[in-house]
Amino acid sequence: ADGVVNICEMKYSRLPYELTLAEADKIQYREQAFLRENP
């Protein structure tokens, strides 16, 4: 209600998760797609 939209990504791993460049790019791609369709 305060205007913030949390974009939650779930990552399962037996060890601490390593966020790679490729995965970071995918998350940002999804965020941008969401913003384009929800201006």
PDB file of all heavy atoms in Angstrom:
ATOM      1  N   ALA A   1       0.817  -1.215   0.000  1.00  0.00           N
ATOM      2  CA  ALA A   1       0.000   0.000   0.000  1.00  0.00           C
ATOM      3  C   ALA A   1       0.849   1.264   0.000  1.00  0.00           C
ATOM      4  O   ALA A   1       0.357   2.338  -0.360  1.00  0.00           O
ATOM      5  CB  ALA A   1      -0.932   0.000   1.210  1.00  0.00           C
ATOM      6  N   ASP A   2       2.133   1.155   0.391  1.00  0.00           N
ATOM      7  CA  ASP A   2       3.001   2.334   0.383  1.00  0.00           C
ATOM      8  C   ASP A   2       3.612   2.599  -0.989  1.00  0.00           C
ATOM      9  O   ASP A   2       4.459   3.484  -1.144  1.00  0.00           O
ATOM     10  CB  ASP A   2       4.113   2.200   1.434  1.00  0.00           C
ATOM     11  CG  ASP A   2       5.001   0.977   1.205  1.00  0.00           C
ATOM     12  OD1 ASP A   2       4.830   0.289   0.175  1.00  0.00           O
ATOM     13  OD2 ASP A   2       5.859   0.710   2.059  1.00  0.00           O
ATOM     14  N   GLY A   3       3.186   1.832  -2.007  1.00  0.00           N
ATOM     15  CA  GLY A   3       3.634   2.077  -3.375  1.00  0.00           C
ATOM     16  C   GLY A   3       4.810   1.238  -3.821  1.00  0.00           C
ATOM     17  O   GLY A   3       5.148   1.223  -5.010  1.00  0.00           O
ATOM     18  N   VAL A   4       5.432   0.520  -2.892  1.00  0.00           N
ATOM     19  CA  VAL A   4       6.577  -0.312  -3.248  1.00  0.00           C
ATOM     20  C   VAL A   4       6.093  -1.649  -3.809  1.00  0.00           C
ATOM     21  O   VAL A   4       5.134  -2.240  -3.298  1.00  0.00           O
ATOM     22  CB  VAL A   4       7.491  -0.550  -2.026  1.00  0.00           C
ATOM     23  CG1 VAL A   4       8.648  -1.472  -2.386  1.00  0.00           C
ATOM     24  CG2 VAL A   4       8.003   0.774  -1.486  1.00  0.00           C
ATOM     25  N   VAL A   5       6.759  -2.109  -4.851  1.00  0.00           N
ATOM     26  CA  VAL A   5       6.494  -3.426  -5.419  1.00  0.00           C
ATOM     27  C   VAL A   5       7.740  -4.277  -5.223  1.00  0.00           C
ATOM     28  O   VAL A   5       8.798  -3.983  -5.786  1.00  0.00           O
ATOM     29  CB  VAL A   5       6.138  -3.346  -6.915  1.00  0.00           C
ATOM     30  CG1 VAL A   5       5.930  -4.753  -7.480  1.00  0.00           C
ATOM     31  CG2 VAL A   5       4.900  -2.492  -7.132  1.00  0.00           C
ATOM     32  N   ASN A   6       7.626  -5.317  -4.385  1.00  0.00           N
ATOM     33  CA  ASN A   6       8.749  -6.242  -4.172  1.00  0.00           C
ATOM     34  C   ASN A   6       8.710  -7.335  -5.228  1.00  0.00           C
ATOM     35  O   ASN A   6       7.706  -8.033  -5.377  1.00  0.00           O
ATOM     36  CB  ASN A   6       8.679  -6.875  -2.785  1.00  0.00           C
ATOM     37  CG  ASN A   6       8.924  -5.886  -1.665  1.00  0.00           C
ATOM     38  OD1 ASN A   6       8.110  -5.736  -0.765  1.00  0.00           O
ATOM     39  ND2 ASN A   6      10.037  -5.185  -1.713  1.00  0.00           N
ATOM     40  N   ILE A   7       9.794  -7.454  -5.964  1.00  0.00           N
ATOM     41  CA  ILE A   7       9.938  -8.518  -6.958  1.00  0.00           C
ATOM     42  C   ILE A   7      10.774  -9.611  -6.319  1.00  0.00           C
ATOM     43  O   ILE A   7      11.974  -9.447  -6.090  1.00  0.00           O
ATOM     44  CB  ILE A   7      10.601  -7.977  -8.238  1.00  0.00           C
ATOM     45  CG1 ILE A   7       9.666  -6.969  -8.908  1.00  0.00           C
ATOM     46  CG2 ILE A   7      10.959  -9.117  -9.183  1.00  0.00           C
ATOM     47  CD1 ILE A   7      10.230  -6.334 -10.157  1.00  0.00           C
ATOM     48  N   CYS A   8      10.128 -10.730  -5.983  1.00  0.00           N
ATOM     49  CA  CYS A   8      10.779 -11.785  -5.204  1.00  0.00           C
ATOM     50  C   CYS A   8      11.206 -12.932  -6.116  1.00  0.00           C
ATOM     51  O   CYS A   8      10.396 -13.462  -6.883  1.00  0.00           O
ATOM     52  CB  CYS A   8       9.840 -12.310  -4.126  1.00  0.00           C
ATOM     53  SG  CYS A   8       9.259 -11.036  -2.973  1.00  0.00           S
ATOM     54  N   GLU A   9      12.454 -13.286  -6.014  1.00  0.00           N
ATOM     55  CA  GLU A   9      13.018 -14.422  -6.749  1.00  0.00           C
ATOM     56  C   GLU A   9      13.466 -15.476  -5.738  1.00  0.00           C
ATOM     57  O   GLU A   9      14.156 -15.157  -4.766  1.00  0.00           O
ATOM     58  CB  GLU A   9      14.209 -13.969  -7.603  1.00  0.00           C
ATOM     59  CG  GLU A   9      13.829 -13.038  -8.743  1.00  0.00           C
ATOM     60  CD  GLU A   9      13.258 -13.802  -9.935  1.00  0.00           C
ATOM     61  OE1 GLU A   9      13.531 -15.019 -10.052  1.00  0.00           O
ATOM     62  OE2 GLU A   9      12.550 -13.183 -10.748  1.00  0.00           O
ATOM     63  N   MET A  10      13.101 -16.741  -5.984  1.00  0.00           N
ATOM     64  CA  MET A  10      13.411 -17.823  -5.065  1.00  0.00           C
ATOM     65  C   MET A  10      14.580 -18.642  -5.600  1.00  0.00           C
ATOM     66  O   MET A  10      14.573 -19.046  -6.766  1.00  0.00           O
ATOM     67  CB  MET A  10      12.208 -18.749  -4.863  1.00  0.00           C
ATOM     68  CG  MET A  10      11.075 -18.146  -4.056  1.00  0.00           C
ATOM     69  SD  MET A  10      10.347 -16.679  -4.774  1.00  0.00           S
ATOM     70  CE  MET A  10       8.834 -16.555  -3.867  1.00  0.00           C
ATOM     71  N   LYS A  11      15.568 -18.875  -4.755  1.00  0.00           N
ATOM     72  CA  LYS A  11      16.778 -19.599  -5.161  1.00  0.00           C
ATOM     73  C   LYS A  11      17.094 -20.699  -4.146  1.00  0.00           C
ATOM     74  O   LYS A  11      17.505 -20.412  -3.024  1.00  0.00           O
ATOM     75  CB  LYS A  11      17.971 -18.640  -5.278  1.00  0.00           C
ATOM     76  CG  LYS A  11      17.745 -17.473  -6.243  1.00  0.00           C
ATOM     77  CD  LYS A  11      17.501 -17.959  -7.663  1.00  0.00           C
ATOM     78  CE  LYS A  11      17.231 -16.799  -8.613  1.00  0.00           C
ATOM     79  NZ  LYS A  11      16.857 -17.280  -9.966  1.00  0.00           N
ATOM     80  N   TYR A  12      16.911 -21.938  -4.574  1.00  0.00           N
ATOM     81  CA  TYR A  12      17.246 -23.069  -3.722  1.00  0.00           C
ATOM     82  C   TYR A  12      18.697 -23.485  -3.942  1.00  0.00           C
ATOM     83  O   TYR A  12      19.166 -23.591  -5.078  1.00  0.00           O
ATOM     84  CB  TYR A  12      16.333 -24.262  -4.018  1.00  0.00           C
ATOM     85  CG  TYR A  12      16.765 -25.521  -3.292  1.00  0.00           C
ATOM     86  CD1 TYR A  12      16.334 -25.773  -1.997  1.00  0.00           C
ATOM     87  CD2 TYR A  12      17.651 -26.426  -3.891  1.00  0.00           C
ATOM     88  CE1 TYR A  12      16.754 -26.907  -1.311  1.00  0.00           C
ATOM     89  CE2 TYR A  12      18.071 -27.566  -3.218  1.00  0.00           C
ATOM     90  CZ  TYR A  12      17.625 -27.792  -1.925  1.00  0.00           C
ATOM     91  OH  TYR A  12      18.048 -28.906  -1.256  1.00  0.00           O
ATOM     92  N   SER A  13      19.411 -23.728  -2.842  1.00  0.00           N
ATOM     93  CA  SER A  13      20.776 -24.228  -2.931  1.00  0.00           C
ATOM     94  C   SER A  13      21.142 -24.849  -1.588  1.00  0.00           C
ATOM     95  O   SER A  13      20.744 -24.362  -0.535  1.00  0.00           O
ATOM     96  CB  SER A  13      21.756 -23.096  -3.261  1.00  0.00           C
ATOM     97  OG  SER A  13      23.090 -23.558  -3.247  1.00  0.00           O
ATOM     98  N   ARG A  14      21.905 -25.938  -1.625  1.00  0.00           N
ATOM     99  CA  ARG A  14      22.356 -26.550  -0.378  1.00  0.00           C
ATOM    100  C   ARG A  14      23.428 -25.705   0.298  1.00  0.00           C
ATOM    101  O   ARG A  14      23.655 -25.828   1.499  1.00  0.00           O
ATOM    102  CB  ARG A  14      22.917 -27.950  -0.655  1.00  0.00           C
ATOM    103  CG  ARG A  14      21.871 -28.963  -1.088  1.00  0.00           C
ATOM    104  CD  ARG A  14      22.462 -30.347  -1.300  1.00  0.00           C
ATOM    105  NE  ARG A  14      23.516 -30.344  -2.310  1.00  0.00           N
ATOM    106  CZ  ARG A  14      24.806 -30.514  -2.062  1.00  0.00           C
ATOM    107  NH1 ARG A  14      25.221 -30.689  -0.814  1.00  0.00           N
ATOM    108  NH2 ARG A  14      25.696 -30.515  -3.033  1.00  0.00           N
ATOM    109  N   LEU A  15      24.073 -24.836  -0.491  1.00  0.00           N
ATOM    110  CA  LEU A  15      25.132 -23.964   0.009  1.00  0.00           C
ATOM    111  C   LEU A  15      24.719 -22.517  -0.209  1.00  0.00           C
ATOM    112  O   LEU A  15      23.737 -22.250  -0.913  1.00  0.00           O
ATOM    113  CB  LEU A  15      26.443 -24.264  -0.734  1.00  0.00           C
ATOM    114  CG  LEU A  15      26.958 -25.699  -0.629  1.00  0.00           C
ATOM    115  CD1 LEU A  15      28.140 -25.905  -1.578  1.00  0.00           C
ATOM    116  CD2 LEU A  15      27.341 -26.037   0.794  1.00  0.00           C
ATOM    117  N   PRO A  16      25.426 -21.539   0.377  1.00  0.00           N
ATOM    118  CA  PRO A  16      25.124 -20.144   0.064  1.00  0.00           C
ATOM    119  C   PRO A  16      25.089 -19.924  -1.448  1.00  0.00           C
ATOM    120  O   PRO A  16      25.951 -20.426  -2.184  1.00  0.00           O
ATOM    121  CB  PRO A  16      26.274 -19.380   0.734  1.00  0.00           C
ATOM    122  CG  PRO A  16      26.640 -20.239   1.898  1.00  0.00           C
ATOM    123  CD  PRO A  16      26.486 -21.655   1.411  1.00  0.00           C
ATOM    124  N   TYR A  17      24.078 -19.210  -1.912  1.00  0.00           N
ATOM    125  CA  TYR A  17      23.821 -19.075  -3.355  1.00  0.00           C
ATOM    126  C   TYR A  17      24.777 -18.073  -3.993  1.00  0.00           C
ATOM    127  O   TYR A  17      24.991 -16.967  -3.471  1.00  0.00           O
ATOM    128  CB  TYR A  17      22.382 -18.629  -3.576  1.00  0.00           C
ATOM    129  CG  TYR A  17      21.992 -18.535  -5.026  1.00  0.00           C
ATOM    130  CD1 TYR A  17      21.737 -19.688  -5.764  1.00  0.00           C
ATOM    131  CD2 TYR A  17      21.891 -17.297  -5.661  1.00  0.00           C
ATOM    132  CE1 TYR A  17      21.388 -19.606  -7.095  1.00  0.00           C
ATOM    133  CE2 TYR A  17      21.539 -17.218  -6.990  1.00  0.00           C
ATOM    134  CZ  TYR A  17      21.297 -18.370  -7.709  1.00  0.00           C
ATOM    135  OH  TYR A  17      20.945 -18.279  -9.038  1.00  0.00           O
ATOM    136  N   GLU A  18      25.335 -18.465  -5.124  1.00  0.00           N
ATOM    137  CA  GLU A  18      26.225 -17.572  -5.876  1.00  0.00           C
ATOM    138  C   GLU A  18      25.443 -16.925  -7.009  1.00  0.00           C
ATOM    139  O   GLU A  18      25.007 -17.613  -7.946  1.00  0.00           O
ATOM    140  CB  GLU A  18      27.416 -18.346  -6.440  1.00  0.00           C
ATOM    141  CG  GLU A  18      28.401 -17.452  -7.188  1.00  0.00           C
ATOM    142  CD  GLU A  18      29.613 -18.206  -7.703  1.00  0.00           C
ATOM    143  OE1 GLU A  18      29.682 -19.442  -7.512  1.00  0.00           O
ATOM    144  OE2 GLU A  18      30.496 -17.563  -8.318  1.00  0.00           O
ATOM    145  N   LEU A  19      25.259 -15.628  -6.921  1.00  0.00           N
ATOM    146  CA  LEU A  19      24.511 -14.901  -7.946  1.00  0.00           C
ATOM    147  C   LEU A  19      25.457 -14.548  -9.090  1.00  0.00           C
ATOM    148  O   LEU A  19      26.305 -13.662  -8.969  1.00  0.00           O
ATOM    149  CB  LEU A  19      23.894 -13.630  -7.350  1.00  0.00           C
ATOM    150  CG  LEU A  19      22.963 -12.821  -8.267  1.00  0.00           C
ATOM    151  CD1 LEU A  19      21.779 -13.673  -8.713  1.00  0.00           C
ATOM    152  CD2 LEU A  19      22.470 -11.573  -7.549  1.00  0.00           C
ATOM    153  N   THR A  20      25.317 -15.247 -10.204  1.00  0.00           N
ATOM    154  CA  THR A  20      26.199 -15.040 -11.345  1.00  0.00           C
ATOM    155  C   THR A  20      25.722 -13.861 -12.186  1.00  0.00           C
ATOM    156  O   THR A  20      24.598 -13.373 -12.036  1.00  0.00           O
ATOM    157  CB  THR A  20      26.236 -16.289 -12.229  1.00  0.00           C
ATOM    158  OG1 THR A  20      24.907 -16.517 -12.762  1.00  0.00           O
ATOM    159  CG2 THR A  20      26.668 -17.515 -11.425  1.00  0.00           C
ATOM    160  N   LEU A  21      26.578 -13.418 -13.095  1.00  0.00           N
ATOM    161  CA  LEU A  21      26.207 -12.336 -14.013  1.00  0.00           C
ATOM    162  C   LEU A  21      25.016 -12.741 -14.858  1.00  0.00           C
ATOM    163  O   LEU A  21      24.080 -11.941 -15.061  1.00  0.00           O
ATOM    164  CB  LEU A  21      27.396 -11.991 -14.915  1.00  0.00           C
ATOM    165  CG  LEU A  21      27.107 -10.963 -16.023  1.00  0.00           C
ATOM    166  CD1 LEU A  21      26.657  -9.636 -15.437  1.00  0.00           C
ATOM    167  CD2 LEU A  21      28.350 -10.781 -16.907  1.00  0.00           C
ATOM    168  N   ALA A  22      24.988 -13.986 -15.351  1.00  0.00           N
ATOM    169  CA  ALA A  22      23.888 -14.443 -16.198  1.00  0.00           C
ATOM    170  C   ALA A  22      22.562 -14.418 -15.441  1.00  0.00           C
ATOM    171  O   ALA A  22      21.538 -13.972 -15.977  1.00  0.00           O
ATOM    172  CB  ALA A  22      24.179 -15.859 -16.707  1.00  0.00           C
ATOM    173  N   GLU A  23      22.579 -14.866 -14.180  1.00  0.00           N
ATOM    174  CA  GLU A  23      21.340 -14.879 -13.394  1.00  0.00           C
ATOM    175  C   GLU A  23      20.926 -13.468 -13.028  1.00  0.00           C
ATOM    176  O   GLU A  23      19.733 -13.138 -13.027  1.00  0.00           O
ATOM    177  CB  GLU A  23      21.517 -15.730 -12.143  1.00  0.00           C
ATOM    178  CG  GLU A  23      20.236 -15.968 -11.363  1.00  0.00           C
ATOM    179  CD  GLU A  23      19.137 -16.625 -12.191  1.00  0.00           C
ATOM    180  OE1 GLU A  23      19.462 -17.508 -13.014  1.00  0.00           O
ATOM    181  OE2 GLU A  23      17.965 -16.229 -12.021  1.00  0.00           O
ATOM    182  N   ALA A  24      21.895 -12.601 -12.727  1.00  0.00           N
ATOM    183  CA  ALA A  24      21.584 -11.196 -12.426  1.00  0.00           C
ATOM    184  C   ALA A  24      20.927 -10.530 -13.631  1.00  0.00           C
ATOM    185  O   ALA A  24      19.963  -9.759 -13.492  1.00  0.00           O
ATOM    186  CB  ALA A  24      22.849 -10.454 -12.021  1.00  0.00           C
ATOM    187  N   ASP A  25      21.423 -10.834 -14.828  1.00  0.00           N
ATOM    188  CA  ASP A  25      20.839 -10.264 -16.049  1.00  0.00           C
ATOM    189  C   ASP A  25      19.402 -10.748 -16.244  1.00  0.00           C
ATOM    190  O   ASP A  25      18.525  -9.976 -16.653  1.00  0.00           O
ATOM    191  CB  ASP A  25      21.684 -10.658 -17.267  1.00  0.00           C
ATOM    192  CG  ASP A  25      22.996  -9.891 -17.339  1.00  0.00           C
ATOM    193  OD1 ASP A  25      23.111  -8.852 -16.645  1.00  0.00           O
ATOM    194  OD2 ASP A  25      23.902 -10.325 -18.089  1.00  0.00           O
ATOM    195  N   LYS A  26      19.138 -12.031 -15.937  1.00  0.00           N
ATOM    196  CA  LYS A  26      17.779 -12.566 -16.065  1.00  0.00           C
ATOM    197  C   LYS A  26      16.817 -11.862 -15.115  1.00  0.00           C
ATOM    198  O   LYS A  26      15.687 -11.524 -15.493  1.00  0.00           O
ATOM    199  CB  LYS A  26      17.781 -14.069 -15.777  1.00  0.00           C
ATOM    200  CG  LYS A  26      18.429 -14.918 -16.844  1.00  0.00           C
ATOM    201  CD  LYS A  26      18.394 -16.395 -16.434  1.00  0.00           C
ATOM    202  CE  LYS A  26      19.117 -17.264 -17.440  1.00  0.00           C
ATOM    203  NZ  LYS A  26      19.122 -18.694 -17.014  1.00  0.00           N
ATOM    204  N   ILE A  27      17.256 -11.631 -13.888  1.00  0.00           N
ATOM    205  CA  ILE A  27      16.395 -10.958 -12.909  1.00  0.00           C
ATOM    206  C   ILE A  27      16.081  -9.543 -13.360  1.00  0.00           C
ATOM    207  O   ILE A  27      14.933  -9.084 -13.291  1.00  0.00           O
ATOM    208  CB  ILE A  27      17.067 -10.966 -11.521  1.00  0.00           C
ATOM    209  CG1 ILE A  27      17.146 -12.404 -10.976  1.00  0.00           C
ATOM    210  CG2 ILE A  27      16.297 -10.081 -10.538  1.00  0.00           C
ATOM    211  CD1 ILE A  27      17.958 -12.540  -9.709  1.00  0.00           C
ATOM    212  N   GLN A  28      17.084  -8.848 -13.851  1.00  0.00           N
ATOM    213  CA  GLN A  28      16.865  -7.477 -14.316  1.00  0.00           C
ATOM    214  C   GLN A  28      15.988  -7.448 -15.562  1.00  0.00           C
ATOM    215  O   GLN A  28      15.176  -6.524 -15.729  1.00  0.00           O
ATOM    216  CB  GLN A  28      18.215  -6.812 -14.583  1.00  0.00           C
ATOM    217  CG  GLN A  28      18.993  -6.547 -13.285  1.00  0.00           C
ATOM    218  CD  GLN A  28      20.348  -5.908 -13.521  1.00  0.00           C
ATOM    219  OE1 GLN A  28      21.071  -6.283 -14.443  1.00  0.00           O
ATOM    220  NE2 GLN A  28      20.700  -4.946 -12.687  1.00  0.00           N
ATOM    221  N   TYR A  29      16.115  -8.446 -16.420  1.00  0.00           N
ATOM    222  CA  TYR A  29      15.248  -8.543 -17.603  1.00  0.00           C
ATOM    223  C   TYR A  29      13.786  -8.692 -17.185  1.00  0.00           C
ATOM    224  O   TYR A  29      12.889  -8.033 -17.732  1.00  0.00           O
ATOM    225  CB  TYR A  29      15.684  -9.736 -18.456  1.00  0.00           C
ATOM    226  CG  TYR A  29      14.753 -10.061 -19.599  1.00  0.00           C
ATOM    227  CD1 TYR A  29      14.764  -9.295 -20.765  1.00  0.00           C
ATOM    228  CD2 TYR A  29      13.849 -11.129 -19.512  1.00  0.00           C
ATOM    229  CE1 TYR A  29      13.903  -9.597 -21.823  1.00  0.00           C
ATOM    230  CE2 TYR A  29      12.989 -11.438 -20.551  1.00  0.00           C
ATOM    231  CZ  TYR A  29      13.027 -10.667 -21.708  1.00  0.00           C
ATOM    232  OH  TYR A  29      12.177 -10.957 -22.746  1.00  0.00           O
ATOM    233  N   ARG A  30      13.527  -9.541 -16.187  1.00  0.00           N
ATOM    234  CA  ARG A  30      12.163  -9.742 -15.698  1.00  0.00           C
ATOM    235  C   ARG A  30      11.622  -8.464 -15.059  1.00  0.00           C
ATOM    236  O   ARG A  30      10.457  -8.100 -15.252  1.00  0.00           O
ATOM    237  CB  ARG A  30      12.127 -10.891 -14.686  1.00  0.00           C
ATOM    238  CG  ARG A  30      12.488 -12.241 -15.269  1.00  0.00           C
ATOM    239  CD  ARG A  30      12.741 -13.269 -14.192  1.00  0.00           C
ATOM    240  NE  ARG A  30      13.330 -14.488 -14.726  1.00  0.00           N
ATOM    241  CZ  ARG A  30      14.225 -15.221 -14.109  1.00  0.00           C
ATOM    242  NH1 ARG A  30      14.645 -14.887 -12.891  1.00  0.00           N
ATOM    243  NH2 ARG A  30      14.710 -16.310 -14.664  1.00  0.00           N
ATOM    244  N   GLU A  31      12.471  -7.776 -14.302  1.00  0.00           N
ATOM    245  CA  GLU A  31      12.046  -6.531 -13.671  1.00  0.00           C
ATOM    246  C   GLU A  31      11.671  -5.494 -14.720  1.00  0.00           C
ATOM    247  O   GLU A  31      10.635  -4.814 -14.602  1.00  0.00           O
ATOM    248  CB  GLU A  31      13.162  -6.001 -12.768  1.00  0.00           C
ATOM    249  CG  GLU A  31      12.795  -4.715 -12.034  1.00  0.00           C
ATOM    250  CD  GLU A  31      13.934  -4.196 -11.174  1.00  0.00           C
ATOM    251  OE1 GLU A  31      15.094  -4.592 -11.418  1.00  0.00           O
ATOM    252  OE2 GLU A  31      13.659  -3.388 -10.263  1.00  0.00           O
ATOM    253  N   GLN A  32      12.475  -5.356 -15.756  1.00  0.00           N
ATOM    254  CA  GLN A  32      12.188  -4.372 -16.802  1.00  0.00           C
ATOM    255  C   GLN A  32      10.917  -4.739 -17.569  1.00  0.00           C
ATOM    256  O   GLN A  32      10.123  -3.863 -17.925  1.00  0.00           O
ATOM    257  CB  GLN A  32      13.381  -4.266 -17.763  1.00  0.00           C
ATOM    258  CG  GLN A  32      14.630  -3.653 -17.142  1.00  0.00           C
ATOM    259  CD  GLN A  32      14.366  -2.268 -16.560  1.00  0.00           C
ATOM    260  OE1 GLN A  32      13.733  -1.423 -17.193  1.00  0.00           O
ATOM    261  NE2 GLN A  32      14.839  -2.046 -15.337  1.00  0.00           N
ATOM    262  N   ALA A  33      10.707  -6.027 -17.829  1.00  0.00           N
ATOM    263  CA  ALA A  33       9.486  -6.457 -18.512  1.00  0.00           C
ATOM    264  C   ALA A  33       8.260  -6.114 -17.672  1.00  0.00           C
ATOM    265  O   ALA A  33       7.235  -5.652 -18.197  1.00  0.00           O
ATOM    266  CB  ALA A  33       9.544  -7.960 -18.788  1.00  0.00           C
ATOM    267  N   PHE A  34       8.362  -6.340 -16.380  1.00  0.00           N
ATOM    268  CA  PHE A  34       7.249  -6.007 -15.487  1.00  0.00           C
ATOM    269  C   PHE A  34       6.954  -4.513 -15.515  1.00  0.00           C
ATOM    270  O   PHE A  34       5.786  -4.096 -15.595  1.00  0.00           O
ATOM    271  CB  PHE A  34       7.581  -6.456 -14.061  1.00  0.00           C
ATOM    272  CG  PHE A  34       6.532  -6.069 -13.049  1.00  0.00           C
ATOM    273  CD1 PHE A  34       5.390  -6.829 -12.899  1.00  0.00           C
ATOM    274  CD2 PHE A  34       6.688  -4.938 -12.250  1.00  0.00           C
ATOM    275  CE1 PHE A  34       4.419  -6.479 -11.964  1.00  0.00           C
ATOM    276  CE2 PHE A  34       5.723  -4.577 -11.326  1.00  0.00           C
ATOM    277  CZ  PHE A  34       4.577  -5.350 -11.182  1.00  0.00           C
ATOM    278  N   LEU A  35       7.987  -3.690 -15.472  1.00  0.00           N
ATOM    279  CA  LEU A  35       7.795  -2.238 -15.477  1.00  0.00           C
ATOM    280  C   LEU A  35       7.199  -1.757 -16.791  1.00  0.00           C
ATOM    281  O   LEU A  35       6.359  -0.843 -16.810  1.00  0.00           O
ATOM    282  CB  LEU A  35       9.126  -1.537 -15.206  1.00  0.00           C
ATOM    283  CG  LEU A  35       9.646  -1.641 -13.762  1.00  0.00           C
ATOM    284  CD1 LEU A  35      11.080  -1.147 -13.675  1.00  0.00           C
ATOM    285  CD2 LEU A  35       8.743  -0.865 -12.815  1.00  0.00           C
ATOM    286  N   ARG A  36       7.592  -2.347 -17.913  1.00  0.00           N
ATOM    287  CA  ARG A  36       7.035  -1.943 -19.212  1.00  0.00           C
ATOM    288  C   ARG A  36       5.546  -2.246 -19.282  1.00  0.00           C
ATOM    289  O   ARG A  36       4.775  -1.455 -19.843  1.00  0.00           O
ATOM    290  CB  ARG A  36       7.765  -2.672 -20.346  1.00  0.00           C
ATOM    291  CG  ARG A  36       9.117  -2.093 -20.694  1.00  0.00           C
ATOM    292  CD  ARG A  36       9.615  -2.627 -22.022  1.00  0.00           C
ATOM    293  NE  ARG A  36       9.772  -4.075 -22.018  1.00  0.00           N
ATOM    294  CZ  ARG A  36      10.883  -4.704 -21.659  1.00  0.00           C
ATOM    295  NH1 ARG A  36      11.947  -3.994 -21.264  1.00  0.00           N
ATOM    296  NH2 ARG A  36      10.958  -6.019 -21.686  1.00  0.00           N
ATOM    297  N   GLU A  37       5.128  -3.365 -18.711  1.00  0.00           N
ATOM    298  CA  GLU A  37       3.723  -3.751 -18.799  1.00  0.00           C
ATOM    299  C   GLU A  37       2.887  -3.194 -17.656  1.00  0.00           C
ATOM    300  O   GLU A  37       1.660  -3.327 -17.657  1.00  0.00           O
ATOM    301  CB  GLU A  37       3.616  -5.274 -18.847  1.00  0.00           C
ATOM    302  CG  GLU A  37       4.247  -5.859 -20.107  1.00  0.00           C
ATOM    303  CD  GLU A  37       4.121  -7.367 -20.215  1.00  0.00           C
ATOM    304  OE1 GLU A  37       3.121  -7.915 -19.683  1.00  0.00           O
ATOM    305  OE2 GLU A  37       5.004  -8.002 -20.820  1.00  0.00           O
ATOM    306  N   ASN A  38       3.551  -2.582 -16.678  1.00  0.00           N
ATOM    307  CA  ASN A  38       2.851  -1.972 -15.541  1.00  0.00           C
ATOM    308  C   ASN A  38       3.448  -0.582 -15.289  1.00  0.00           C
ATOM    309  O   ASN A  38       4.101  -0.345 -14.268  1.00  0.00           O
ATOM    310  CB  ASN A  38       2.989  -2.847 -14.293  1.00  0.00           C
ATOM    311  CG  ASN A  38       2.370  -4.218 -14.448  1.00  0.00           C
ATOM    312  OD1 ASN A  38       1.183  -4.413 -14.213  1.00  0.00           O
ATOM    313  ND2 ASN A  38       3.193  -5.189 -14.865  1.00  0.00           N
ATOM    314  N   PRO A  39       3.238   0.349 -16.218  1.00  0.00           N
ATOM    315  CA  PRO A  39       3.906   1.665 -16.135  1.00  0.00           C
ATOM    316  C   PRO A  39       3.532   2.486 -14.903  1.00  0.00           C
ATOM    317  O   PRO A  39       4.277   3.386 -14.519  1.00  0.00           O
ATOM    318  CB  PRO A  39       3.451   2.360 -17.423  1.00  0.00           C
ATOM    319  CG  PRO A  39       2.206   1.645 -17.843  1.00  0.00           C
ATOM    320  CD  PRO A  39       2.394   0.233 -17.408  1.00  0.00           C
TER     321      PRO A  39
END
